[in-house]
């Protein structure tokens, strides 16, 4: 008996999501520090219309790729908001290289 190739990718994705949820349950995302952000010397852009993005965020030692909204950015970092599986809104600053537009294009940053 073989595997059902039609659903294998979907099942793998669901198992990965469940593992991410279990590994991050009760944790807050890790955000860049003020020193890393350098907001006193780098230009900050805030947008009234957030951009939908996919981004790698960390919860301690666990990295998770989330669908999020980019609400602000500098040339080096992006401020994100997203809903965790628990229903809470999480927020964190991540390095700009960890973010891509949800439509797989480049995120327009200064």
Foldseek 3Di string as FASTA:
>chain_A
DDDDPVCPVVVVVVVVLVVVLVVQPPFAWDADDCVVQPPVPWDKDFDPDWFWKWFWIHRVPDTDIDTWTFGMDTPFKTWTWDARPVRDIHIHIDTLVRIAGPVRHRDDDD
